[in-house]
Structures are given as structure tokens and as C-alpha cells.
N, C-alpha and C. Protein backbone atom coordinates (compact mmCIF):
# COMPACT_ATOMS: atom_id res chain seq x y z
N UNK A 1 137.76 49.26 132.68
CA UNK A 1 136.92 49.06 131.27
C UNK A 1 137.80 47.97 130.66
N UNK A 2 137.04 47.28 129.93
CA UNK A 2 137.18 46.35 129.39
C UNK A 2 137.57 46.38 127.57
N UNK A 3 138.35 45.44 127.35
CA UNK A 3 139.05 45.54 126.34
C UNK A 3 137.87 45.08 124.99
N UNK A 4 138.28 45.85 123.61
CA UNK A 4 137.30 45.24 122.77
C UNK A 4 138.07 44.50 121.92
N UNK A 5 137.26 43.12 121.19
CA UNK A 5 137.88 42.71 120.63
C UNK A 5 137.94 43.21 118.79
N UNK A 6 139.52 42.79 118.35
CA UNK A 6 139.20 43.08 116.84
C UNK A 6 138.74 42.25 116.07
N UNK A 7 138.09 41.09 116.57
CA UNK A 7 138.08 39.80 115.78
C UNK A 7 136.77 40.31 115.06
N UNK A 8 136.13 40.00 113.80
CA UNK A 8 134.98 40.27 113.30
C UNK A 8 134.19 39.13 114.02
N UNK A 9 132.73 39.35 113.34
CA UNK A 9 131.56 38.67 114.01
C UNK A 9 131.63 37.34 113.82
N UNK A 10 130.49 36.57 113.67
CA UNK A 10 131.08 34.73 114.08
C UNK A 10 130.58 34.66 112.59
N UNK A 11 130.27 35.27 111.65
CA UNK A 11 129.93 34.99 110.24
C UNK A 11 131.13 36.32 109.01
N UNK A 12 130.75 35.38 108.23
CA UNK A 12 131.95 36.13 107.08
C UNK A 12 131.08 37.22 106.43
N UNK A 13 131.40 38.54 106.29
CA UNK A 13 130.82 39.36 105.55
C UNK A 13 131.42 39.23 104.53
N UNK A 14 130.44 39.27 103.21
CA UNK A 14 131.14 39.50 102.01
C UNK A 14 130.01 39.89 100.52
N UNK A 15 130.31 40.54 99.53
CA UNK A 15 129.24 41.21 98.65
C UNK A 15 128.54 39.89 98.24
N UNK A 16 129.00 38.50 97.78
CA UNK A 16 128.37 37.77 97.25
C UNK A 16 127.44 37.74 98.40
N UNK A 17 127.61 37.37 99.76
CA UNK A 17 126.53 36.86 100.35
C UNK A 17 125.43 37.68 100.40
N UNK A 18 125.57 39.07 100.48
CA UNK A 18 124.28 40.13 100.24
C UNK A 18 123.69 40.27 98.92
N UNK A 19 124.32 39.57 98.21
CA UNK A 19 123.63 39.33 96.65
C UNK A 19 122.77 38.22 96.64
N UNK A 20 123.66 37.39 97.01
CA UNK A 20 122.69 36.01 97.55
C UNK A 20 121.51 36.15 98.02
N UNK A 21 121.44 37.14 99.53
CA UNK A 21 120.27 37.60 100.52
C UNK A 21 119.35 37.81 99.46
N UNK A 22 119.81 39.07 98.55
CA UNK A 22 118.54 40.06 97.69
C UNK A 22 118.05 39.04 96.84
N UNK A 23 118.64 37.93 96.37
CA UNK A 23 118.03 37.25 95.39
C UNK A 23 117.11 36.19 96.31
N UNK A 24 117.29 35.88 96.99
CA UNK A 24 116.42 35.00 98.25
C UNK A 24 115.11 35.79 98.39
N UNK A 25 115.75 37.10 98.54
CA UNK A 25 114.46 38.22 99.29
C UNK A 25 113.19 38.57 97.63
N UNK A 26 113.79 38.98 96.49
CA UNK A 26 113.13 38.70 95.75
C UNK A 26 112.48 38.01 95.30
N UNK A 27 112.83 36.76 94.96
CA UNK A 27 111.96 35.37 94.88
C UNK A 27 111.08 34.85 95.75
N UNK A 28 111.19 35.42 96.99
CA UNK A 28 110.00 34.94 98.07
C UNK A 28 108.76 35.99 97.81
N UNK A 29 109.33 37.34 97.21
CA UNK A 29 108.26 38.41 96.76
C UNK A 29 107.28 37.74 95.56
N UNK A 30 108.53 37.37 94.80
CA UNK A 30 107.83 36.93 93.60
C UNK A 30 106.82 35.94 93.55
N UNK A 31 107.19 35.07 94.60
CA UNK A 31 106.43 33.52 94.89
C UNK A 31 105.55 34.06 95.43
N UNK A 32 105.03 35.05 96.14
CA UNK A 32 104.09 35.45 97.25
C UNK A 32 102.98 36.19 95.63
N UNK A 33 103.43 36.93 95.02
CA UNK A 33 103.10 37.61 94.16
C UNK A 33 102.24 37.02 93.06
N UNK A 34 102.70 35.75 92.52
CA UNK A 34 102.39 34.55 91.76
C UNK A 34 100.92 33.86 92.62
N UNK A 35 101.58 33.38 93.98
CA UNK A 35 100.80 32.74 94.67
C UNK A 35 99.00 33.48 94.60
N UNK A 36 99.07 35.07 95.08
CA UNK A 36 97.99 35.82 94.80
C UNK A 36 97.37 35.91 93.80
N UNK A 37 97.86 35.93 92.60
CA UNK A 37 97.65 35.88 91.29
C UNK A 37 96.89 34.92 90.74
N UNK A 38 97.34 33.85 91.21
CA UNK A 38 96.74 32.28 90.74
C UNK A 38 95.56 31.95 91.58
N UNK A 39 95.25 32.76 92.56
CA UNK A 39 94.28 32.48 93.85
C UNK A 39 93.33 33.38 93.74
N UNK A 40 93.74 34.46 93.34
CA UNK A 40 92.33 35.62 93.50
C UNK A 40 91.11 35.58 92.60
N UNK A 41 90.25 35.83 92.76
CA UNK A 41 89.00 36.08 91.98
C UNK A 41 88.40 37.29 91.60
N UNK A 42 87.83 37.39 90.49
CA UNK A 42 87.72 38.81 89.99
C UNK A 42 86.69 39.11 90.46
N UNK A 43 87.12 40.44 91.47
CA UNK A 43 85.58 40.76 92.13
C UNK A 43 84.76 41.94 91.36
N UNK A 44 83.32 41.55 91.28
CA UNK A 44 82.18 42.35 90.74
C UNK A 44 81.82 43.16 91.63
N UNK A 45 82.40 44.80 91.41
CA UNK A 45 81.90 45.92 91.88
C UNK A 45 80.63 46.51 91.09
N UNK A 46 79.62 46.52 92.48
CA UNK A 46 78.06 47.08 91.83
C UNK A 46 77.90 48.15 92.55
N UNK A 47 77.45 49.13 91.48
CA UNK A 47 77.17 50.60 92.51
C UNK A 47 75.85 49.93 93.26
N UNK A 48 75.83 50.73 94.52
CA UNK A 48 74.76 50.35 95.56
C UNK A 48 73.18 50.79 95.09
N UNK A 49 72.10 50.23 94.80
CA UNK A 49 70.93 50.75 94.68
C UNK A 49 70.33 51.55 95.66
N UNK A 50 69.67 52.78 95.19
CA UNK A 50 69.29 53.76 96.22
C UNK A 50 67.36 54.01 95.87
N UNK A 51 67.04 53.68 96.98
CA UNK A 51 65.49 54.34 96.69
C UNK A 51 65.09 55.80 96.62
N UNK A 52 65.49 56.02 95.58
CA UNK A 52 65.06 57.39 95.10
C UNK A 52 63.52 57.83 95.28
N UNK A 53 62.25 56.93 95.54
CA UNK A 53 61.36 57.44 95.64
C UNK A 53 61.21 58.03 97.16
N UNK A 54 61.86 57.73 97.97
CA UNK A 54 61.81 57.80 99.12
C UNK A 54 62.42 59.21 99.56
N UNK A 55 63.33 59.14 98.78
CA UNK A 55 64.36 60.93 98.85
C UNK A 55 63.39 62.07 98.00
N UNK A 56 62.76 61.59 97.11
CA UNK A 56 61.66 62.76 96.52
C UNK A 56 60.28 62.91 97.52
N UNK A 57 60.30 62.04 98.30
CA UNK A 57 58.81 61.95 99.16
C UNK A 57 59.55 63.27 100.23
N UNK A 58 60.67 62.80 100.99
CA UNK A 58 60.97 63.42 102.06
C UNK A 58 61.26 65.26 101.48
N UNK A 59 61.54 65.31 99.96
CA UNK A 59 62.13 66.45 99.72
C UNK A 59 60.75 67.02 99.18
N UNK A 60 59.56 66.50 98.87
CA UNK A 60 58.12 67.07 98.87
C UNK A 60 57.80 67.57 100.11
N UNK A 61 58.13 66.45 101.38
CA UNK A 61 57.09 67.15 102.39
C UNK A 61 57.49 68.11 103.06
N UNK A 62 59.12 68.74 102.55
CA UNK A 62 59.44 69.91 102.96
C UNK A 62 59.36 71.01 102.26
N UNK A 63 58.24 70.70 101.22
CA UNK A 63 57.98 71.93 100.48
C UNK A 63 58.32 72.12 99.09
N UNK A 64 59.39 71.09 98.48
CA UNK A 64 59.85 71.49 97.11
C UNK A 64 59.00 70.73 96.22
N UNK A 65 59.41 71.60 95.00
CA UNK A 65 58.66 71.35 93.72
C UNK A 65 59.76 70.47 93.23
N UNK A 66 59.17 69.31 93.16
CA UNK A 66 60.60 68.34 92.51
C UNK A 66 59.79 67.52 91.13
N UNK A 67 60.95 67.38 90.36
CA UNK A 67 60.21 66.77 88.85
C UNK A 67 61.32 65.61 88.94
N UNK A 68 60.79 63.99 89.13
CA UNK A 68 61.49 63.05 89.55
C UNK A 68 60.88 61.97 88.12
N UNK A 69 61.41 60.58 87.89
CA UNK A 69 60.59 59.72 87.12
C UNK A 69 59.95 59.05 87.73
N UNK A 70 58.56 58.86 87.30
CA UNK A 70 57.40 57.87 88.18
C UNK A 70 57.98 56.45 88.45
N UNK A 71 58.48 56.30 87.62
CA UNK A 71 59.29 55.04 87.76
C UNK A 71 60.56 54.53 86.85
N UNK A 72 61.56 53.68 86.88
CA UNK A 72 62.52 53.20 86.07
C UNK A 72 61.99 51.95 85.36
N UNK A 73 62.52 52.18 83.98
CA UNK A 73 62.46 50.98 83.24
C UNK A 73 62.68 49.47 83.72
N UNK A 74 62.16 48.31 83.42
CA UNK A 74 62.84 47.03 83.80
C UNK A 74 64.30 47.34 83.60
N UNK A 75 64.92 46.95 84.69
CA UNK A 75 66.02 46.24 85.17
C UNK A 75 66.92 47.51 85.31
N UNK A 76 66.42 48.96 85.62
CA UNK A 76 67.01 50.04 85.40
C UNK A 76 67.23 50.09 87.37
N UNK A 77 68.17 50.77 87.74
CA UNK A 77 68.05 51.37 89.00
C UNK A 77 68.86 52.73 89.14
N UNK A 78 68.56 53.23 90.60
CA UNK A 78 69.30 54.55 91.01
C UNK A 78 70.65 54.24 91.85
N UNK A 79 71.27 54.87 91.40
CA UNK A 79 72.60 55.09 92.01
C UNK A 79 73.09 56.18 93.02
N UNK A 80 72.36 56.72 92.54
CA UNK A 80 72.93 58.34 93.35
C UNK A 80 71.33 59.09 93.55
N UNK A 81 71.13 59.89 94.17
CA UNK A 81 70.50 61.12 94.23
C UNK A 81 70.83 61.92 95.16
N UNK A 82 70.99 63.39 94.75
CA UNK A 82 71.31 64.46 95.55
C UNK A 82 69.84 65.22 95.87
N UNK A 83 69.76 66.02 96.36
CA UNK A 83 69.03 67.34 96.47
C UNK A 83 69.46 68.61 97.33
N UNK A 84 69.10 69.10 96.77
CA UNK A 84 69.74 70.60 97.16
C UNK A 84 68.50 71.84 97.83
N UNK A 85 68.27 72.25 98.78
CA UNK A 85 67.33 73.18 99.40
C UNK A 85 67.87 74.30 99.34
N UNK A 86 68.99 74.62 99.03
CA UNK A 86 69.33 76.05 99.44
C UNK A 86 68.95 76.63 97.85
N UNK A 87 68.35 77.57 98.29
CA UNK A 87 67.90 78.76 97.02
C UNK A 87 67.12 77.49 96.64
N UNK A 88 66.34 77.62 95.11
CA UNK A 88 65.55 77.08 94.55
C UNK A 88 66.03 75.44 94.51
N UNK A 89 64.98 74.42 94.72
CA UNK A 89 65.80 72.82 94.65
C UNK A 89 66.09 72.56 93.61
N UNK A 90 66.83 71.60 93.73
CA UNK A 90 67.67 70.94 92.51
C UNK A 90 67.73 69.79 93.00
N UNK A 91 67.22 69.04 91.94
CA UNK A 91 67.69 67.07 92.04
C UNK A 91 68.78 66.86 91.00
N UNK A 92 69.42 66.16 91.46
CA UNK A 92 70.18 65.25 90.61
C UNK A 92 70.18 63.80 90.90
N UNK A 93 70.02 63.27 89.99
CA UNK A 93 70.00 61.31 90.11
C UNK A 93 71.01 60.80 88.82
N UNK A 94 71.38 59.78 89.63
CA UNK A 94 72.07 59.06 88.49
C UNK A 94 71.55 57.58 88.57
N UNK A 95 71.17 56.81 87.12
CA UNK A 95 71.00 55.56 87.39
C UNK A 95 71.87 55.02 86.17
N UNK A 96 71.39 53.55 86.16
CA UNK A 96 71.79 52.49 85.44
C UNK A 96 70.88 51.51 84.75
N UNK A 97 70.83 51.48 83.67
CA UNK A 97 70.08 50.83 82.77
C UNK A 97 70.70 49.29 83.06
N UNK A 98 69.89 48.37 82.38
CA UNK A 98 69.90 47.18 82.45
C UNK A 98 71.04 46.23 81.63
N UNK A 99 71.83 46.96 80.95
CA UNK A 99 72.80 46.80 80.26
C UNK A 99 74.06 47.77 81.09
N UNK A 100 73.92 48.12 81.98
CA UNK A 100 74.93 48.69 82.74
C UNK A 100 75.44 50.23 82.14
N UNK A 101 74.26 50.73 81.02
CA UNK A 101 74.89 52.21 80.48
C UNK A 101 74.24 53.21 81.38
N UNK A 102 75.02 54.20 81.62
CA UNK A 102 74.78 55.03 82.44
C UNK A 102 73.56 56.22 82.04
N UNK A 103 72.91 56.66 82.92
CA UNK A 103 71.81 58.03 82.74
C UNK A 103 71.72 58.78 83.77
N UNK A 104 71.54 59.97 83.37
CA UNK A 104 71.65 60.91 84.53
C UNK A 104 70.25 61.76 84.13
N UNK A 105 69.86 62.39 85.53
CA UNK A 105 68.64 63.70 85.36
C UNK A 105 69.13 64.78 86.28
N UNK A 106 68.76 65.93 86.05
CA UNK A 106 69.06 66.81 86.87
C UNK A 106 67.80 68.27 86.61
N UNK A 107 67.31 68.94 87.26
CA UNK A 107 66.20 69.45 87.58
C UNK A 107 67.14 70.69 88.24
N UNK A 108 67.21 72.19 87.56
CA UNK A 108 68.08 73.17 87.98
C UNK A 108 67.89 74.25 87.06
N UNK A 109 68.33 75.25 88.42
CA UNK A 109 67.75 76.82 87.66
C UNK A 109 69.02 77.32 86.75
N UNK A 110 70.24 76.73 87.11
CA UNK A 110 71.08 77.19 86.03
C UNK A 110 71.17 76.97 84.55
N UNK A 111 71.99 77.81 83.80
CA UNK A 111 71.52 77.74 82.49
C UNK A 111 71.88 76.57 81.73
N UNK A 112 71.00 76.04 80.89
CA UNK A 112 71.45 75.00 79.77
C UNK A 112 73.08 75.12 79.17
N UNK A 113 73.60 76.18 78.94
CA UNK A 113 75.07 76.05 78.89
C UNK A 113 75.64 75.28 79.94
N UNK A 114 75.23 75.90 81.28
CA UNK A 114 76.16 75.15 82.13
C UNK A 114 76.00 74.22 82.31
N UNK A 115 74.71 73.63 82.33
CA UNK A 115 74.09 72.32 82.62
C UNK A 115 75.20 70.84 81.09
N UNK A 116 74.73 71.75 80.34
CA UNK A 116 75.56 70.36 78.83
C UNK A 116 77.00 70.92 79.42
N UNK A 117 77.69 72.07 79.55
CA UNK A 117 78.96 71.67 80.25
C UNK A 117 79.27 70.92 81.42
N UNK A 118 78.53 70.99 82.37
CA UNK A 118 78.91 70.16 83.62
C UNK A 118 78.43 68.66 83.33
N UNK A 119 77.68 68.25 82.32
CA UNK A 119 77.01 66.80 82.40
C UNK A 119 77.07 66.28 81.04
N UNK A 120 77.30 66.87 80.09
CA UNK A 120 77.55 66.60 78.61
C UNK A 120 78.70 66.84 78.04
N UNK A 121 79.44 68.24 78.04
CA UNK A 121 80.47 68.30 76.98
C UNK A 121 80.79 69.93 76.85
N UNK A 122 81.65 70.05 77.06
CA UNK A 122 81.77 71.72 76.79
C UNK A 122 81.31 72.68 75.67
N UNK A 123 81.23 71.43 74.45
CA UNK A 123 80.94 71.98 72.91
C UNK A 123 79.91 70.77 72.65
N UNK A 124 78.58 70.52 73.23
CA UNK A 124 78.10 69.49 72.51
C UNK A 124 77.20 69.94 70.84
N UNK A 125 77.03 69.24 70.22
CA UNK A 125 76.62 69.27 68.86
C UNK A 125 74.71 69.33 69.30
N UNK A 126 74.16 70.43 68.58
CA UNK A 126 72.66 70.16 68.94
C UNK A 126 72.05 69.98 68.02
N UNK A 127 70.91 68.90 68.03
CA UNK A 127 70.36 67.99 67.23
C UNK A 127 69.08 68.47 66.75
N UNK A 128 67.69 67.69 66.33
CA UNK A 128 66.61 68.48 65.98
C UNK A 128 65.77 68.44 67.21
N UNK A 129 64.79 68.90 67.52
CA UNK A 129 63.79 69.13 68.49
C UNK A 129 63.08 67.41 68.61
N UNK A 130 63.07 67.03 70.04
CA UNK A 130 62.41 65.88 70.25
C UNK A 130 61.16 66.12 70.43
N UNK A 131 60.06 65.24 70.12
CA UNK A 131 58.88 65.20 70.41
C UNK A 131 58.69 64.11 71.58
N UNK A 132 57.97 64.22 72.71
CA UNK A 132 58.45 62.97 74.01
C UNK A 132 56.77 63.25 74.48
N UNK A 133 55.94 62.55 73.61
CA UNK A 133 55.04 62.16 74.26
C UNK A 133 54.95 61.60 75.67
N UNK A 134 54.06 62.29 76.50
CA UNK A 134 53.14 61.75 77.50
C UNK A 134 54.16 62.31 79.08
N UNK A 135 54.93 63.45 78.70
CA UNK A 135 56.36 64.10 78.99
C UNK A 135 55.42 65.41 79.92
N UNK A 136 56.08 65.80 80.99
CA UNK A 136 55.84 67.08 81.68
C UNK A 136 55.83 68.31 80.40
N UNK A 137 56.84 68.20 79.87
CA UNK A 137 57.13 69.26 78.59
C UNK A 137 57.28 68.41 77.35
N UNK A 138 56.60 68.55 76.18
CA UNK A 138 56.18 68.07 75.13
C UNK A 138 57.42 68.01 74.29
N UNK A 139 58.22 68.85 73.98
CA UNK A 139 59.17 69.31 73.12
C UNK A 139 60.47 69.43 73.77
N UNK A 140 61.66 68.78 73.24
CA UNK A 140 62.83 68.59 74.04
C UNK A 140 63.87 69.07 72.94
N UNK A 141 64.84 70.00 73.52
CA UNK A 141 66.17 69.78 72.62
C UNK A 141 67.11 68.85 72.90
N UNK A 142 67.75 68.39 71.11
CA UNK A 142 68.58 67.35 71.75
C UNK A 142 70.12 67.74 71.62
N UNK A 143 70.71 67.03 72.06
CA UNK A 143 72.34 67.42 72.08
C UNK A 143 73.17 66.06 72.23
N UNK A 144 74.31 65.86 71.41
CA UNK A 144 75.12 65.04 71.54
C UNK A 144 76.32 65.52 71.59
N UNK A 145 77.80 64.36 71.86
CA UNK A 145 78.76 64.97 72.12
C UNK A 145 79.46 63.90 71.25
N UNK A 146 81.18 63.76 70.76
CA UNK A 146 81.45 63.28 70.10
C UNK A 146 82.05 61.96 70.89
N UNK A 147 81.86 61.96 72.20
CA UNK A 147 81.99 60.38 72.82
C UNK A 147 80.73 59.54 72.81
N UNK A 148 79.46 59.90 72.42
CA UNK A 148 78.38 58.93 72.22
C UNK A 148 77.30 59.42 73.42
N UNK A 149 77.63 60.62 74.18
CA UNK A 149 76.44 60.86 74.84
C UNK A 149 75.22 61.83 74.27
N UNK A 150 74.49 61.12 75.02
CA UNK A 150 73.14 61.78 74.56
C UNK A 150 72.38 62.88 75.35
N UNK A 151 72.13 63.92 75.12
CA UNK A 151 70.73 64.42 76.21
C UNK A 151 70.02 65.46 75.84
N UNK A 152 69.03 65.22 76.31
CA UNK A 152 67.62 65.86 76.02
C UNK A 152 67.37 67.01 77.29
N UNK A 153 67.49 68.09 76.27
CA UNK A 153 66.86 69.22 77.50
C UNK A 153 65.27 70.21 77.39
N UNK A 154 65.13 70.63 78.38
CA UNK A 154 63.86 71.33 78.42
C UNK A 154 63.74 72.28 79.68
N UNK A 155 62.27 73.63 79.48
CA UNK A 155 62.47 74.33 80.41
C UNK A 155 61.04 74.08 81.15
N UNK A 156 61.01 73.81 82.24
CA UNK A 156 59.84 74.22 82.66
C UNK A 156 59.76 75.21 83.82
N UNK A 157 59.31 76.24 83.29
CA UNK A 157 59.05 77.42 84.48
C UNK A 157 60.24 78.07 84.04
N UNK A 158 61.04 78.25 85.71
CA UNK A 158 62.38 78.95 85.40
C UNK A 158 63.18 77.53 85.62
N UNK A 159 62.93 76.54 85.61
CA UNK A 159 63.81 75.45 85.25
C UNK A 159 64.47 74.83 84.56
N UNK A 160 65.49 74.20 84.52
CA UNK A 160 66.02 73.15 82.89
C UNK A 160 66.13 72.15 83.57
N UNK A 161 65.22 71.13 82.67
CA UNK A 161 65.35 69.71 82.92
C UNK A 161 66.21 68.84 81.63
N UNK A 162 67.45 68.03 82.40
CA UNK A 162 68.32 67.85 81.62
C UNK A 162 68.31 66.30 81.32
N UNK A 163 68.26 65.28 80.70
CA UNK A 163 68.20 63.81 80.67
C UNK A 163 69.34 63.46 79.81
N UNK A 164 70.66 62.78 80.70
CA UNK A 164 71.82 62.47 79.56
C UNK A 164 72.26 61.48 80.13
N UNK A 165 73.05 60.98 78.95
CA UNK A 165 73.91 59.77 79.32
C UNK A 165 74.47 58.85 78.03
N UNK A 166 75.10 57.88 78.64
CA UNK A 166 75.64 56.43 77.43
C UNK A 166 74.48 56.09 77.00
N UNK A 167 73.18 56.04 77.71
CA UNK A 167 72.19 54.90 76.94
C UNK A 167 71.55 55.57 75.61
N UNK A 168 71.01 54.36 74.81
CA UNK A 168 70.83 54.74 73.78
C UNK A 168 69.63 56.42 73.69
N UNK A 169 69.41 56.62 72.62
CA UNK A 169 68.64 57.88 72.49
C UNK A 169 67.30 57.29 72.92
N UNK A 170 66.54 56.24 72.34
CA UNK A 170 65.26 55.60 72.88
C UNK A 170 65.18 55.73 74.35
N UNK A 171 66.37 54.77 74.95
CA UNK A 171 66.34 55.13 76.33
C UNK A 171 65.86 56.26 77.11
N UNK A 172 66.94 57.27 76.71
CA UNK A 172 66.53 58.61 77.48
C UNK A 172 65.56 59.53 76.99
N UNK A 173 64.58 59.21 75.93
CA UNK A 173 63.79 59.45 75.50
C UNK A 173 62.66 58.80 76.76
N UNK A 174 62.65 57.96 76.66
CA UNK A 174 61.67 56.52 77.84
C UNK A 174 61.92 57.47 79.05
N UNK A 175 63.20 57.70 79.66
CA UNK A 175 62.99 58.30 81.18
C UNK A 175 62.31 59.84 80.87
N UNK A 176 62.57 60.57 80.02
CA UNK A 176 62.25 62.39 79.66
C UNK A 176 60.50 61.74 79.55
N UNK A 177 59.84 60.88 79.01
CA UNK A 177 58.33 60.73 79.15
C UNK A 177 57.95 60.25 80.33
N UNK A 178 58.93 59.59 81.52
CA UNK A 178 58.07 59.34 82.90
C UNK A 178 58.39 60.41 83.87
N UNK A 179 59.01 61.16 83.08
CA UNK A 179 59.39 62.52 84.39
C UNK A 179 58.20 63.11 84.87
N UNK A 180 57.94 63.29 86.05
CA UNK A 180 56.60 64.16 86.55
C UNK A 180 56.72 64.99 87.54
N UNK A 181 55.57 65.70 88.16
CA UNK A 181 56.14 66.24 89.64
C UNK A 181 54.87 66.23 90.76
N UNK A 182 54.40 64.92 90.07
CA UNK A 182 53.28 64.37 91.21
C UNK A 182 53.78 64.01 92.42
N UNK A 183 53.00 64.59 93.54
CA UNK A 183 53.45 63.69 95.05
C UNK A 183 53.56 62.61 95.01
N UNK A 184 54.52 61.82 95.49
CA UNK A 184 54.81 60.65 95.72
C UNK A 184 54.24 59.73 96.48
N UNK A 185 53.17 58.99 95.81
CA UNK A 185 52.48 57.98 96.88
C UNK A 185 53.14 56.96 97.99
N UNK A 186 52.06 57.13 99.19
CA UNK A 186 52.50 56.58 100.30
C UNK A 186 52.59 56.93 100.94
């Protein structure tokens, strides 16, 4: 077996050398972060647009009696549609207005209290009834919360219809007026 040399490696090891290497490493990382910060453009993330009418048509072809907006106001678009056919049919829809405000719609057999808790607030404030011309249901109950959300609720048969969101009360009423159960054309 050969003899082991008692001499240290070819470079000297010292605390100041370690501190110097650490400082250089930190400076390289900070330089990289600064470079990325100055060369990054802000990403504008927009939700996907969903063709809600084709999904409603599919639900109707499956025999479901669903309520849906016949059309959306100019600039609005649907971002999500979900349909449940387990038990009584339920339709839930999310939309954005032209100004980026959120509006939702749900048709459900759940109680009004459950829907208000799920979609508006645990303790929403009741407002005056609202007459909505041209709607499937002429009179809707109105609800608000401390955060600025507005909701309109109505009963159609054994189902509760709820239109809600951060949009103005006028926009919420406009969507409620556009609701229909007619077969989707096409």
C-alpha cells in the first residue's frame, strides 16, 4: 500500500476564500434576476372563451330541460359551463362582461339559501323584488353583499335560478331577461 501525503491540496483553503466565493455566487444570482426583470414583458392572461350554446344544445339533446341565456350582451363571453345530469339537471355558467366584471348563472334544485351561500355570501342582504321584462320569470328577489356582489333569484317549477356577480345591477337584470328554455337553434 502506498504512503499518503500529509500535504494539503494545491490551493489554500481559508474562510476569506469561502466568503469571496459566496459573494460572487450571490452577485451572479442577483445579476440574473435583474436581467430577467428588465427583459420580461407582462403577460396578459385571459380566460378561454367557451361556446356555451353548443353545450346547452348537447344537454337538450340528452333530454334535459335547461335554462340558458339566449344570447350574451355585446362584449360578453362565457368562460365556463358545467352541466350535471345526475339527478335533476343542473347548469352553471361563468361569464365576463366587456369591462371584465364577473357574472354567473346557475339553475339548480338546491335551496335559495344554499345557492346564495355558495355563490354570493354567507349572509347576503335582501333587497326589493325586481320586475324583469321578457324573462322566463317576471319577478326576481334581489340580494347584495358587503363586497359589492349582486344577485337575482327566482323559482321556476322546482328549480332555483340565480344570476349573480360583480357586474352592475342593470347588467345582471339584462342577463336575467335573456334567459330562455327554448331549444337551441342549429
